[in-house]
Amino acid sequence: MCADLMDALEKRELLKVQVLQNCADAPKDVAQELVAGTNAELVQVIGKVIVLYKESKENKTLELPR
């Protein structure tokens, strides 16, 4: 699972993940597991939506303000 997320983060840099309604874990707990497994940064958790960011090595598309 984390390999697919890491590939998606490499291609897109910013990724929204939807936690299923029947998931017993809290979305913030799921977000922390995803961050630990992908080395991405947690942008935000709103409801059951998790937003992750990881700078791409090959496909850099986002320019962050300094």
PDB file of N, CA and C in Angstrom:
ATOM      1  N   MET A   1       0.816  -1.191   0.000  1.00  0.00           N
ATOM      2  CA  MET A   1       0.000   0.000   0.000  1.00  0.00           C
ATOM      3  C   MET A   1       0.859   1.254   0.000  1.00  0.00           C
ATOM      4  N   CYS A   2       1.854   1.324   0.850  1.00  0.00           N
ATOM      5  CA  CYS A   2       2.685   2.524   0.920  1.00  0.00           C
ATOM      6  C   CYS A   2       3.476   2.739  -0.359  1.00  0.00           C
ATOM      7  N   ALA A   3       3.813   1.663  -1.068  1.00  0.00           N
ATOM      8  CA  ALA A   3       4.542   1.816  -2.328  1.00  0.00           C
ATOM      9  C   ALA A   3       3.682   2.550  -3.350  1.00  0.00           C
ATOM     10  N   ASP A   4       2.392   2.227  -3.410  1.00  0.00           N
ATOM     11  CA  ASP A   4       1.484   2.923  -4.321  1.00  0.00           C
ATOM     12  C   ASP A   4       1.345   4.394  -3.946  1.00  0.00           C
ATOM     13  N   LEU A   5       1.249   4.669  -2.661  1.00  0.00           N
ATOM     14  CA  LEU A   5       1.162   6.062  -2.205  1.00  0.00           C
ATOM     15  C   LEU A   5       2.443   6.817  -2.517  1.00  0.00           C
ATOM     16  N   MET A   6       3.579   6.179  -2.324  1.00  0.00           N
ATOM     17  CA  MET A   6       4.854   6.848  -2.605  1.00  0.00           C
ATOM     18  C   MET A   6       4.983   7.144  -4.095  1.00  0.00           C
ATOM     19  N   ASP A   7       4.537   6.219  -4.957  1.00  0.00           N
ATOM     20  CA  ASP A   7       4.562   6.470  -6.400  1.00  0.00           C
ATOM     21  C   ASP A   7       3.657   7.645  -6.763  1.00  0.00           C
ATOM     22  N   ALA A   8       2.464   7.679  -6.170  1.00  0.00           N
ATOM     23  CA  ALA A   8       1.533   8.777  -6.443  1.00  0.00           C
ATOM     24  C   ALA A   8       2.091  10.107  -5.949  1.00  0.00           C
ATOM     25  N   LEU A   9       2.721  10.108  -4.782  1.00  0.00           N
ATOM     26  CA  LEU A   9       3.327  11.340  -4.263  1.00  0.00           C
ATOM     27  C   LEU A   9       4.488  11.803  -5.142  1.00  0.00           C
ATOM     28  N   GLU A  10       5.252  10.868  -5.677  1.00  0.00           N
ATOM     29  CA  GLU A  10       6.372  11.222  -6.554  1.00  0.00           C
ATOM     30  C   GLU A  10       5.858  11.879  -7.834  1.00  0.00           C
ATOM     31  N   LYS A  11       4.746  11.404  -8.355  1.00  0.00           N
ATOM     32  CA  LYS A  11       4.197  11.955  -9.600  1.00  0.00           C
ATOM     33  C   LYS A  11       3.466  13.267  -9.394  1.00  0.00           C
ATOM     34  N   ARG A  12       2.775  13.412  -8.228  1.00  0.00           N
ATOM     35  CA  ARG A  12       1.887  14.562  -8.050  1.00  0.00           C
ATOM     36  C   ARG A  12       2.295  15.524  -6.945  1.00  0.00           C
ATOM     37  N   GLU A  13       3.127  15.101  -6.020  1.00  0.00           N
ATOM     38  CA  GLU A  13       3.596  15.880  -4.873  1.00  0.00           C
ATOM     39  C   GLU A  13       2.513  16.130  -3.815  1.00  0.00           C
ATOM     40  N   LEU A  14       1.308  16.449  -4.210  1.00  0.00           N
ATOM     41  CA  LEU A  14       0.221  16.735  -3.281  1.00  0.00           C
ATOM     42  C   LEU A  14      -0.856  15.682  -3.498  1.00  0.00           C
ATOM     43  N   LEU A  15      -1.296  15.054  -2.407  1.00  0.00           N
ATOM     44  CA  LEU A  15      -2.211  13.930  -2.538  1.00  0.00           C
ATOM     45  C   LEU A  15      -3.302  14.009  -1.480  1.00  0.00           C
ATOM     46  N   LYS A  16      -4.552  13.810  -1.912  1.00  0.00           N
ATOM     47  CA  LYS A  16      -5.686  13.726  -0.987  1.00  0.00           C
ATOM     48  C   LYS A  16      -6.055  12.261  -0.833  1.00  0.00           C
ATOM     49  N   VAL A  17      -6.208  11.827   0.425  1.00  0.00           N
ATOM     50  CA  VAL A  17      -6.563  10.450   0.725  1.00  0.00           C
ATOM     51  C   VAL A  17      -7.879  10.462   1.490  1.00  0.00           C
ATOM     52  N   GLN A  18      -8.845   9.699   1.020  1.00  0.00           N
ATOM     53  CA  GLN A  18     -10.148   9.595   1.672  1.00  0.00           C
ATOM     54  C   GLN A  18     -10.171   8.347   2.550  1.00  0.00           C
ATOM     55  N   VAL A  19     -10.458   8.519   3.831  1.00  0.00           N
ATOM     56  CA  VAL A  19     -10.599   7.392   4.757  1.00  0.00           C
ATOM     57  C   VAL A  19     -12.027   6.876   4.629  1.00  0.00           C
ATOM     58  N   LEU A  20     -12.180   5.569   4.478  1.00  0.00           N
ATOM     59  CA  LEU A  20     -13.506   4.985   4.308  1.00  0.00           C
ATOM     60  C   LEU A  20     -14.369   5.178   5.553  1.00  0.00           C
ATOM     61  N   GLN A  21     -15.665   5.277   5.344  1.00  0.00           N
ATOM     62  CA  GLN A  21     -16.603   5.497   6.438  1.00  0.00           C
ATOM     63  C   GLN A  21     -16.595   4.355   7.445  1.00  0.00           C
ATOM     64  N   ASN A  22     -16.332   3.117   6.986  1.00  0.00           N
ATOM     65  CA  ASN A  22     -16.361   1.968   7.885  1.00  0.00           C
ATOM     66  C   ASN A  22     -15.014   1.712   8.571  1.00  0.00           C
ATOM     67  N   CYS A  23     -14.061   2.611   8.414  1.00  0.00           N
ATOM     68  CA  CYS A  23     -12.755   2.470   9.075  1.00  0.00           C
ATOM     69  C   CYS A  23     -12.919   2.797  10.559  1.00  0.00           C
ATOM     70  N   ALA A  24     -12.465   1.882  11.406  1.00  0.00           N
ATOM     71  CA  ALA A  24     -12.619   2.060  12.859  1.00  0.00           C
ATOM     72  C   ALA A  24     -11.599   3.042  13.431  1.00  0.00           C
ATOM     73  N   ASP A  25     -10.481   3.255  12.737  1.00  0.00           N
ATOM     74  CA  ASP A  25      -9.437   4.146  13.229  1.00  0.00           C
ATOM     75  C   ASP A  25      -9.809   5.608  12.973  1.00  0.00           C
ATOM     76  N   ALA A  26      -9.339   6.469  13.834  1.00  0.00           N
ATOM     77  CA  ALA A  26      -9.556   7.907  13.658  1.00  0.00           C
ATOM     78  C   ALA A  26      -8.714   8.399  12.478  1.00  0.00           C
ATOM     79  N   PRO A  27      -9.224   9.322  11.676  1.00  0.00           N
ATOM     80  CA  PRO A  27      -8.476   9.833  10.524  1.00  0.00           C
ATOM     81  C   PRO A  27      -7.102  10.398  10.894  1.00  0.00           C
ATOM     82  N   LYS A  28      -6.985  11.030  12.070  1.00  0.00           N
ATOM     83  CA  LYS A  28      -5.680  11.565  12.478  1.00  0.00           C
ATOM     84  C   LYS A  28      -4.682  10.444  12.742  1.00  0.00           C
ATOM     85  N   ASP A  29      -5.157   9.310  13.263  1.00  0.00           N
ATOM     86  CA  ASP A  29      -4.277   8.159  13.475  1.00  0.00           C
ATOM     87  C   ASP A  29      -3.837   7.560  12.137  1.00  0.00           C
ATOM     88  N   VAL A  30      -4.761   7.477  11.200  1.00  0.00           N
ATOM     89  CA  VAL A  30      -4.440   6.974   9.864  1.00  0.00           C
ATOM     90  C   VAL A  30      -3.431   7.910   9.205  1.00  0.00           C
ATOM     91  N   ALA A  31      -3.624   9.208   9.361  1.00  0.00           N
ATOM     92  CA  ALA A  31      -2.707  10.189   8.776  1.00  0.00           C
ATOM     93  C   ALA A  31      -1.297  10.019   9.326  1.00  0.00           C
ATOM     94  N   GLN A  32      -1.158   9.806  10.614  1.00  0.00           N
ATOM     95  CA  GLN A  32       0.162   9.630  11.215  1.00  0.00           C
ATOM     96  C   GLN A  32       0.836   8.361  10.698  1.00  0.00           C
ATOM     97  N   GLU A  33       0.066   7.310  10.471  1.00  0.00           N
ATOM     98  CA  GLU A  33       0.625   6.076   9.907  1.00  0.00           C
ATOM     99  C   GLU A  33       1.087   6.295   8.472  1.00  0.00           C
ATOM    100  N   LEU A  34       0.303   7.052   7.701  1.00  0.00           N
ATOM    101  CA  LEU A  34       0.692   7.350   6.322  1.00  0.00           C
ATOM    102  C   LEU A  34       1.956   8.203   6.277  1.00  0.00           C
ATOM    103  N   VAL A  35       2.047   9.177   7.152  1.00  0.00           N
ATOM    104  CA  VAL A  35       3.231  10.038   7.222  1.00  0.00           C
ATOM    105  C   VAL A  35       4.465   9.204   7.574  1.00  0.00           C
ATOM    106  N   ALA A  36       4.319   8.324   8.540  1.00  0.00           N
ATOM    107  CA  ALA A  36       5.446   7.479   8.947  1.00  0.00           C
ATOM    108  C   ALA A  36       5.858   6.523   7.832  1.00  0.00           C
ATOM    109  N   GLY A  37       4.892   6.015   7.068  1.00  0.00           N
ATOM    110  CA  GLY A  37       5.203   5.046   6.019  1.00  0.00           C
ATOM    111  C   GLY A  37       5.730   5.661   4.742  1.00  0.00           C
ATOM    112  N   THR A  38       5.432   6.929   4.481  1.00  0.00           N
ATOM    113  CA  THR A  38       5.829   7.559   3.221  1.00  0.00           C
ATOM    114  C   THR A  38       6.848   8.677   3.386  1.00  0.00           C
ATOM    115  N   ASN A  39       7.123   9.099   4.608  1.00  0.00           N
ATOM    116  CA  ASN A  39       8.008  10.237   4.883  1.00  0.00           C
ATOM    117  C   ASN A  39       7.481  11.521   4.253  1.00  0.00           C
ATOM    118  N   ALA A  40       6.167  11.616   4.093  1.00  0.00           N
ATOM    119  CA  ALA A  40       5.541  12.816   3.556  1.00  0.00           C
ATOM    120  C   ALA A  40       5.206  13.753   4.713  1.00  0.00           C
ATOM    121  N   GLU A  41       4.809  14.962   4.363  1.00  0.00           N
ATOM    122  CA  GLU A  41       4.383  15.928   5.368  1.00  0.00           C
ATOM    123  C   GLU A  41       2.859  15.970   5.393  1.00  0.00           C
ATOM    124  N   LEU A  42       2.307  16.010   6.586  1.00  0.00           N
ATOM    125  CA  LEU A  42       0.864  16.122   6.737  1.00  0.00           C
ATOM    126  C   LEU A  42       0.473  17.583   6.563  1.00  0.00           C
ATOM    127  N   VAL A  43      -0.369  17.855   5.575  1.00  0.00           N
ATOM    128  CA  VAL A  43      -0.828  19.218   5.332  1.00  0.00           C
ATOM    129  C   VAL A  43      -2.039  19.507   6.209  1.00  0.00           C
ATOM    130  N   GLN A  44      -3.049  18.619   6.139  1.00  0.00           N
ATOM    131  CA  GLN A  44      -4.236  18.817   6.952  1.00  0.00           C
ATOM    132  C   GLN A  44      -5.099  17.562   6.969  1.00  0.00           C
ATOM    133  N   VAL A  45      -5.956  17.494   7.972  1.00  0.00           N
ATOM    134  CA  VAL A  45      -6.985  16.458   8.063  1.00  0.00           C
ATOM    135  C   VAL A  45      -8.295  17.186   8.282  1.00  0.00           C
ATOM    136  N   ILE A  46      -9.209  17.029   7.338  1.00  0.00           N
ATOM    137  CA  ILE A  46     -10.541  17.625   7.456  1.00  0.00           C
ATOM    138  C   ILE A  46     -11.549  16.495   7.319  1.00  0.00           C
ATOM    139  N   GLY A  47     -12.247  16.222   8.403  1.00  0.00           N
ATOM    140  CA  GLY A  47     -13.194  15.113   8.383  1.00  0.00           C
ATOM    141  C   GLY A  47     -12.456  13.809   8.139  1.00  0.00           C
ATOM    142  N   LYS A  48     -12.774  13.140   7.041  1.00  0.00           N
ATOM    143  CA  LYS A  48     -12.121  11.882   6.696  1.00  0.00           C
ATOM    144  C   LYS A  48     -11.191  12.039   5.496  1.00  0.00           C
ATOM    145  N   VAL A  49     -10.805  13.279   5.192  1.00  0.00           N
ATOM    146  CA  VAL A  49      -9.895  13.553   4.083  1.00  0.00           C
ATOM    147  C   VAL A  49      -8.534  13.976   4.636  1.00  0.00           C
ATOM    148  N   ILE A  50      -7.490  13.293   4.158  1.00  0.00           N
ATOM    149  CA  ILE A  50      -6.114  13.559   4.581  1.00  0.00           C
ATOM    150  C   ILE A  50      -5.369  14.139   3.383  1.00  0.00           C
ATOM    151  N   VAL A  51      -4.646  15.219   3.578  1.00  0.00           N
ATOM    152  CA  VAL A  51      -3.850  15.824   2.513  1.00  0.00           C
ATOM    153  C   VAL A  51      -2.381  15.681   2.888  1.00  0.00           C
ATOM    154  N   LEU A  52      -1.607  15.069   1.967  1.00  0.00           N
ATOM    155  CA  LEU A  52      -0.178  14.841   2.173  1.00  0.00           C
ATOM    156  C   LEU A  52       0.631  15.570   1.111  1.00  0.00           C
ATOM    157  N   TYR A  53       1.847  15.973   1.467  1.00  0.00           N
ATOM    158  CA  TYR A  53       2.769  16.620   0.524  1.00  0.00           C
ATOM    159  C   TYR A  53       4.141  15.992   0.672  1.00  0.00           C
ATOM    160  N   LYS A  54       4.759  15.713  -0.464  1.00  0.00           N
ATOM    161  CA  LYS A  54       6.152  15.277  -0.476  1.00  0.00           C
ATOM    162  C   LYS A  54       6.785  15.796  -1.757  1.00  0.00           C
ATOM    163  N   GLU A  55       7.881  16.503  -1.611  1.00  0.00           N
ATOM    164  CA  GLU A  55       8.557  17.081  -2.773  1.00  0.00           C
ATOM    165  C   GLU A  55       9.053  15.976  -3.689  1.00  0.00           C
ATOM    166  N   SER A  56       8.786  16.120  -4.972  1.00  0.00           N
ATOM    167  CA  SER A  56       9.189  15.138  -5.965  1.00  0.00           C
ATOM    168  C   SER A  56      10.651  15.327  -6.338  1.00  0.00           C
ATOM    169  N   LYS A  57      11.330  14.235  -6.562  1.00  0.00           N
ATOM    170  CA  LYS A  57      12.732  14.299  -6.981  1.00  0.00           C
ATOM    171  C   LYS A  57      12.843  14.550  -8.490  1.00  0.00           C
ATOM    172  N   GLU A  58      11.915  13.952  -9.276  1.00  0.00           N
ATOM    173  CA  GLU A  58      12.003  14.027 -10.736  1.00  0.00           C
ATOM    174  C   GLU A  58      10.921  14.894 -11.378  1.00  0.00           C
ATOM    175  N   ASN A  59       9.748  14.979 -10.770  1.00  0.00           N
ATOM    176  CA  ASN A  59       8.603  15.658 -11.379  1.00  0.00           C
ATOM    177  C   ASN A  59       8.157  16.867 -10.581  1.00  0.00           C
ATOM    178  N   LYS A  60       9.082  17.736 -10.222  1.00  0.00           N
ATOM    179  CA  LYS A  60       8.745  18.887  -9.368  1.00  0.00           C
ATOM    180  C   LYS A  60       7.798  19.804 -10.121  1.00  0.00           C
ATOM    181  N   THR A  61       6.596  19.996  -9.534  1.00  0.00           N
ATOM    182  CA  THR A  61       5.589  20.845 -10.183  1.00  0.00           C
ATOM    183  C   THR A  61       5.142  21.999  -9.300  1.00  0.00           C
ATOM    184  N   LEU A  62       5.240  21.854  -7.985  1.00  0.00           N
ATOM    185  CA  LEU A  62       4.767  22.896  -7.087  1.00  0.00           C
ATOM    186  C   LEU A  62       5.929  23.789  -6.648  1.00  0.00           C
ATOM    187  N   GLU A  63       5.684  25.084  -6.630  1.00  0.00           N
ATOM    188  CA  GLU A  63       6.649  26.046  -6.118  1.00  0.00           C
ATOM    189  C   GLU A  63       6.117  26.590  -4.799  1.00  0.00           C
ATOM    190  N   LEU A  64       6.787  26.297  -3.723  1.00  0.00           N
ATOM    191  CA  LEU A  64       6.357  26.782  -2.419  1.00  0.00           C
ATOM    192  C   LEU A  64       6.906  28.175  -2.161  1.00  0.00           C
ATOM    193  N   PRO A  65       6.124  29.048  -1.548  1.00  0.00           N
ATOM    194  CA  PRO A  65       6.620  30.385  -1.235  1.00  0.00           C
ATOM    195  C   PRO A  65       7.700  30.316  -0.167  1.00  0.00           C
ATOM    196  N   ARG A  66       8.629  31.217  -0.249  1.00  0.00           N
ATOM    197  CA  ARG A  66       9.745  31.237   0.715  1.00  0.00           C
ATOM    198  C   ARG A  66       9.459  32.206   1.822  1.00  0.00           C
TER     199      ARG A  66
END
